[in-house]
Amino acid sequence: MKKASVWAAIVILSATGCASGAGSSASSTSASPTPPTSASSPYEWPTASSIPYAASTLVAGTESCGLDEGKMSTGADGTEHYRGGSATCSVTNTDPRVAGGAIYTWEKDVWPTADGFGQTQWGAGRLENSGGAWVGTYTGIATSETGDILTFWYTGTGGYKGLSYYMWQTVHFEMPGVTHGLIFPGTPPKP
């Protein structure tokens, strides 16, 4: 599918509300969802404050990172393999439990073309602040059309013991990345 067709489909889905629902935000005093305000992506919406859902909390923030790509080697098929990389990040959030400093390992495989690229990426991370820390792993993709799309599963330690944090992040080639997530009781589910 061509880039213009993909974005047209996203705009249509956003306009018709098909992509809203569970991924919508509301003010902290209202339980009724509101649709995303941006037609460029139905999966990103502004959230001014955290939204409690019983024992869980929907949060939003940003993450700015410095990146060391590690060492690159090229496979026989042209795949670029980056290993031993790391990212050091500053995280802001509507919930102070998931704000602070984060450090990640970073690996990726890239399939470049003359017109763009596709890649997978993965690693482990730790998000820490004065209340405790979150430790976990992440995976994601990036393409020249989408930017980065990453998913993180964290387990709380210290003051956050007994909690988990699922976060998804999008980065459109410039920092900061936009994050959304859910803090919830228990441990991350096993895939």
Protein backbone atom coordinates (compact mmCIF):
# COMPACT_ATOMS: atom_id res chain seq x y z
CA MET A 1 0.00 0.00 0.00
CA LYS A 2 1.37 3.42 -0.90
CA LYS A 3 2.19 5.93 1.83
CA ALA A 4 -0.64 8.30 0.79
CA SER A 5 -3.16 5.43 0.90
CA VAL A 6 -2.09 4.43 4.41
CA TRP A 7 -2.46 7.97 5.73
CA ALA A 8 -5.81 8.36 3.95
CA ALA A 9 -7.05 5.19 5.65
CA ILE A 10 -5.89 6.49 9.04
CA VAL A 11 -7.65 9.81 8.47
CA ILE A 12 -10.86 8.00 7.47
CA LEU A 13 -10.70 5.72 10.53
CA SER A 14 -10.07 8.71 12.77
CA ALA A 15 -12.93 10.70 11.24
CA THR A 16 -15.40 7.83 11.56
CA GLY A 17 -14.40 7.02 15.12
CA CYS A 18 -13.54 3.40 14.34
CA ALA A 19 -10.18 3.72 16.05
CA SER A 20 -11.41 5.49 19.18
CA GLY A 21 -13.14 3.67 22.04
CA ALA A 22 -10.79 2.07 24.57
CA GLY A 23 -7.88 4.18 23.33
CA SER A 24 -9.63 7.49 23.97
CA SER A 25 -8.95 10.01 26.68
CA ALA A 26 -11.18 11.89 29.03
CA SER A 27 -10.64 14.59 31.59
CA SER A 28 -9.77 13.42 35.09
CA THR A 29 -13.26 14.37 36.30
CA SER A 30 -15.22 12.58 33.57
CA ALA A 31 -15.46 8.90 32.70
CA SER A 32 -16.78 9.50 29.18
CA PRO A 33 -14.17 9.10 26.44
CA THR A 34 -13.45 11.74 23.83
CA PRO A 35 -12.00 10.96 20.40
CA PRO A 36 -8.46 11.83 19.38
CA THR A 37 -8.04 15.43 18.28
CA SER A 38 -5.41 14.69 15.65
CA ALA A 39 -6.39 13.25 12.27
CA SER A 40 -2.76 12.31 11.59
CA SER A 41 -2.91 9.29 13.92
CA PRO A 42 -5.94 7.82 15.67
CA TYR A 43 -3.63 6.16 18.24
CA GLU A 44 -2.25 9.34 19.78
CA TRP A 45 -4.24 11.82 21.79
CA PRO A 46 -3.41 14.56 24.24
CA THR A 47 -3.99 13.75 27.91
CA ALA A 48 -3.62 16.59 30.39
CA SER A 49 -3.88 14.38 33.46
CA SER A 50 -3.92 10.75 34.51
CA ILE A 51 -7.24 8.93 34.23
CA PRO A 52 -8.12 6.40 36.95
CA TYR A 53 -10.02 3.24 36.00
CA ALA A 54 -10.63 1.50 39.35
CA ALA A 55 -7.20 0.08 40.39
CA SER A 56 -5.54 1.03 37.08
CA THR A 57 -4.48 4.42 35.74
CA LEU A 58 -4.12 5.64 32.14
CA VAL A 59 -1.14 7.99 31.83
CA ALA A 60 0.59 10.04 29.12
CA GLY A 61 3.98 11.67 28.78
CA THR A 62 7.09 12.25 26.74
CA GLU A 63 10.52 10.66 26.62
CA SER A 64 13.67 12.36 25.30
CA CYS A 65 16.69 10.14 24.76
CA GLY A 66 20.32 10.20 23.82
CA LEU A 67 21.16 7.15 21.73
CA ASP A 68 24.32 5.13 21.21
CA GLU A 69 23.61 2.82 18.26
CA GLY A 70 26.33 0.33 19.21
CA LYS A 71 28.29 -1.57 16.57
CA MET A 72 26.91 -2.23 13.10
CA SER A 73 27.64 -5.19 10.87
CA THR A 74 26.04 -6.09 7.55
CA GLY A 75 24.83 -9.61 6.84
CA ALA A 76 25.22 -11.42 3.51
CA ASP A 77 21.60 -10.53 2.66
CA GLY A 78 22.19 -6.79 3.27
CA THR A 79 20.54 -6.69 6.70
CA GLU A 80 22.22 -4.18 8.99
CA HIS A 81 22.66 -5.60 12.52
CA TYR A 82 23.21 -3.07 15.34
CA ARG A 83 24.33 -4.61 18.64
CA GLY A 84 25.42 -3.29 22.03
CA GLY A 85 23.58 0.02 21.79
CA SER A 86 22.02 1.98 24.64
CA ALA A 87 19.67 4.87 25.31
CA THR A 88 19.64 7.25 28.28
CA CYS A 89 16.32 9.07 28.62
CA SER A 90 14.48 11.74 30.57
CA VAL A 91 10.81 10.84 31.10
CA THR A 92 7.96 13.24 31.95
CA ASN A 93 4.48 11.94 32.69
CA THR A 94 1.05 12.89 34.00
CA ASP A 95 1.70 10.36 36.80
CA PRO A 96 4.91 10.94 38.79
CA ARG A 97 5.26 7.20 39.44
CA VAL A 98 6.36 6.72 35.82
CA ALA A 99 8.50 9.85 35.40
CA GLY A 100 12.24 10.10 35.96
CA GLY A 101 15.35 8.72 34.31
CA ALA A 102 15.42 5.63 32.10
CA ILE A 103 18.28 3.56 30.73
CA TYR A 104 17.78 0.94 27.99
CA THR A 105 19.86 -1.57 26.12
CA TRP A 106 19.20 -1.25 22.38
CA GLU A 107 19.52 -3.67 19.49
CA LYS A 108 18.09 -3.45 15.98
CA ASP A 109 18.03 -5.06 12.55
CA VAL A 110 17.47 -2.75 9.57
CA TRP A 111 16.42 -3.55 5.99
CA PRO A 112 17.29 -0.43 3.96
CA THR A 113 16.09 0.36 0.46
CA ALA A 114 16.70 3.30 -1.86
CA ASP A 115 13.33 4.79 -0.77
CA GLY A 116 13.27 4.04 2.96
CA PHE A 117 13.76 1.33 5.54
CA GLY A 118 12.08 -1.12 7.88
CA GLN A 119 13.54 -2.27 11.18
CA THR A 120 12.88 -4.26 14.32
CA GLN A 121 14.26 -3.17 17.67
CA TRP A 122 14.37 -4.60 21.20
CA GLY A 123 16.02 -4.35 24.59
CA ALA A 124 15.67 -4.16 28.36
CA GLY A 125 15.19 -1.08 30.48
CA ARG A 126 14.89 0.52 33.87
CA LEU A 127 12.83 3.64 34.67
CA GLU A 128 13.67 5.05 38.09
CA ASN A 129 12.65 7.88 40.41
CA SER A 130 12.63 8.58 44.15
CA GLY A 131 9.59 6.31 44.72
CA GLY A 132 11.05 3.17 43.19
CA ALA A 133 11.87 1.66 39.81
CA TRP A 134 10.26 -0.12 36.89
CA VAL A 135 12.22 -2.86 35.13
CA GLY A 136 11.29 -4.69 31.96
CA THR A 137 11.70 -5.24 28.25
CA TYR A 138 10.53 -3.64 25.05
CA THR A 139 10.14 -4.49 21.39
CA GLY A 140 9.15 -2.43 18.41
CA ILE A 141 9.49 -1.50 14.79
CA ALA A 142 10.37 1.57 12.81
CA THR A 143 9.82 2.34 9.16
CA SER A 144 10.46 5.40 7.06
CA GLU A 145 6.66 5.85 6.86
CA THR A 146 5.68 5.31 10.52
CA GLY A 147 8.63 6.36 12.65
CA ASP A 148 9.20 4.29 15.78
CA ILE A 149 6.43 2.27 17.44
CA LEU A 150 7.60 0.65 20.69
CA THR A 151 5.87 -1.37 23.42
CA PHE A 152 7.25 -1.75 26.94
CA TRP A 153 6.27 -4.12 29.78
CA TYR A 154 7.55 -3.08 33.21
CA THR A 155 7.34 -4.63 36.69
CA GLY A 156 7.43 -2.27 39.67
CA THR A 157 10.06 -2.50 42.41
CA GLY A 158 10.60 -0.57 45.64
CA GLY A 159 7.57 1.66 46.26
CA TYR A 160 5.95 0.29 43.07
CA LYS A 161 6.17 -3.38 44.05
CA GLY A 162 2.97 -5.20 43.13
CA LEU A 163 2.29 -2.93 40.14
CA SER A 164 2.96 -3.29 36.42
CA TYR A 165 3.23 -0.65 33.73
CA TYR A 166 2.51 -1.18 30.05
CA MET A 167 3.67 1.72 27.86
CA TRP A 168 3.56 2.37 24.14
CA GLN A 169 5.67 5.03 22.54
CA THR A 170 5.77 6.68 19.14
CA VAL A 171 8.68 8.74 17.87
CA HIS A 172 8.39 10.45 14.51
CA PHE A 173 12.14 10.89 13.91
CA GLU A 174 12.48 13.76 16.36
CA MET A 175 12.49 13.76 20.15
CA PRO A 176 10.60 13.78 22.38
CA GLY A 177 8.68 10.57 21.86
CA VAL A 178 5.01 10.49 22.87
CA THR A 179 4.12 7.88 25.49
CA HIS A 180 0.85 6.46 26.78
CA GLY A 181 0.47 3.67 29.27
CA LEU A 182 -1.52 1.85 31.88
CA ILE A 183 -0.35 1.30 35.46
CA PHE A 184 -2.16 -1.73 36.91
CA PRO A 185 -1.93 -4.15 39.86
CA GLY A 186 -0.25 -7.53 39.41
CA THR A 187 2.39 -8.79 37.03
CA PRO A 188 2.60 -8.38 33.25
CA PRO A 189 0.70 -11.11 31.39
CA LYS A 190 2.67 -14.00 29.90
CA PRO A 191 2.39 -14.08 26.10
